[in-house]
Amino acid sequence: MEKVKTLPWDVIDHWETDEDILSYLKVVLEDPDPDLIALTLVDIARAKGVLNELEVRLRKGKEAAVSGQ
């Protein structure tokens, strides 16, 4: 049996507007699975750059703590 080859796919690559994100979230909220909802919120945060901002703040805080400032 031949293995199926897959390609990477990320939902945030397909969102072009805030309305796209809201539509996706509305559909996800119809599913009672809390893991799906949590993953969707992470995807939205990534799309909005929130996670990158948090990472920068955490890194700066860590550097300040290490340097004693």
Protein backbone atom coordinates (compact mmCIF):
# COMPACT_ATOMS: atom_id res chain seq x y z
CA MET A 1 0.00 0.00 0.00
CA GLU A 2 1.36 3.40 -1.01
CA LYS A 3 1.65 6.07 1.68
CA VAL A 4 -0.47 9.16 1.26
CA LYS A 5 1.56 12.35 1.11
CA THR A 6 0.14 15.38 2.85
CA LEU A 7 1.03 19.04 2.80
CA PRO A 8 1.13 21.44 5.75
CA TRP A 9 -2.12 23.35 6.20
CA ASP A 10 -2.84 26.19 8.61
CA VAL A 11 -6.28 27.73 8.90
CA ILE A 12 -4.88 31.20 9.56
CA ASP A 13 -3.34 31.23 6.09
CA HIS A 14 -6.90 31.29 4.74
CA TRP A 15 -8.32 34.12 6.84
CA GLU A 16 -8.23 37.44 5.01
CA THR A 17 -10.54 39.57 7.15
CA ASP A 18 -11.87 39.81 10.69
CA GLU A 19 -15.19 38.64 9.29
CA ASP A 20 -13.50 35.40 8.14
CA ILE A 21 -12.23 34.85 11.67
CA LEU A 22 -15.61 35.61 13.22
CA SER A 23 -17.40 33.25 10.83
CA TYR A 24 -14.96 30.46 11.68
CA LEU A 25 -15.37 31.08 15.41
CA LYS A 26 -19.17 30.99 15.14
CA VAL A 27 -19.04 27.59 13.46
CA VAL A 28 -16.57 26.23 16.03
CA LEU A 29 -18.76 27.43 18.91
CA GLU A 30 -21.57 25.22 17.59
CA ASP A 31 -19.42 22.21 18.56
CA PRO A 32 -19.42 21.47 22.30
CA ASP A 33 -15.81 20.20 22.25
CA PRO A 34 -13.81 22.49 24.58
CA ASP A 35 -10.50 21.38 23.04
CA LEU A 36 -11.63 22.55 19.60
CA ILE A 37 -12.72 25.88 21.05
CA ALA A 38 -9.39 26.30 22.87
CA LEU A 39 -7.38 25.47 19.74
CA THR A 40 -9.45 27.92 17.72
CA LEU A 41 -8.76 30.70 20.23
CA VAL A 42 -5.04 29.95 19.94
CA ASP A 43 -5.31 30.13 16.14
CA ILE A 44 -7.07 33.49 16.41
CA ALA A 45 -4.39 34.79 18.77
CA ARG A 46 -1.68 33.65 16.34
CA ALA A 47 -3.47 35.31 13.43
CA LYS A 48 -3.73 38.58 15.33
CA GLY A 49 -0.11 38.48 16.45
CA VAL A 50 -1.06 38.30 20.13
CA LEU A 51 1.14 35.30 20.82
CA ASN A 52 4.15 36.99 19.24
CA GLU A 53 3.63 40.04 21.45
CA LEU A 54 3.36 37.87 24.56
CA GLU A 55 6.52 36.03 23.59
CA VAL A 56 8.42 39.31 23.23
CA ARG A 57 7.18 40.53 26.62
CA LEU A 58 8.09 37.25 28.31
CA ARG A 59 11.57 37.32 26.78
CA LYS A 60 12.13 40.92 27.92
CA GLY A 61 10.92 40.05 31.42
CA LYS A 62 13.20 37.03 31.58
CA GLU A 63 16.19 39.08 30.40
CA ALA A 64 15.43 41.78 32.99
CA ALA A 65 15.16 39.17 35.75
CA VAL A 66 18.45 37.56 34.77
CA SER A 67 20.26 40.90 34.58
CA GLY A 68 18.82 41.99 37.94
CA GLN A 69 16.91 45.00 36.64
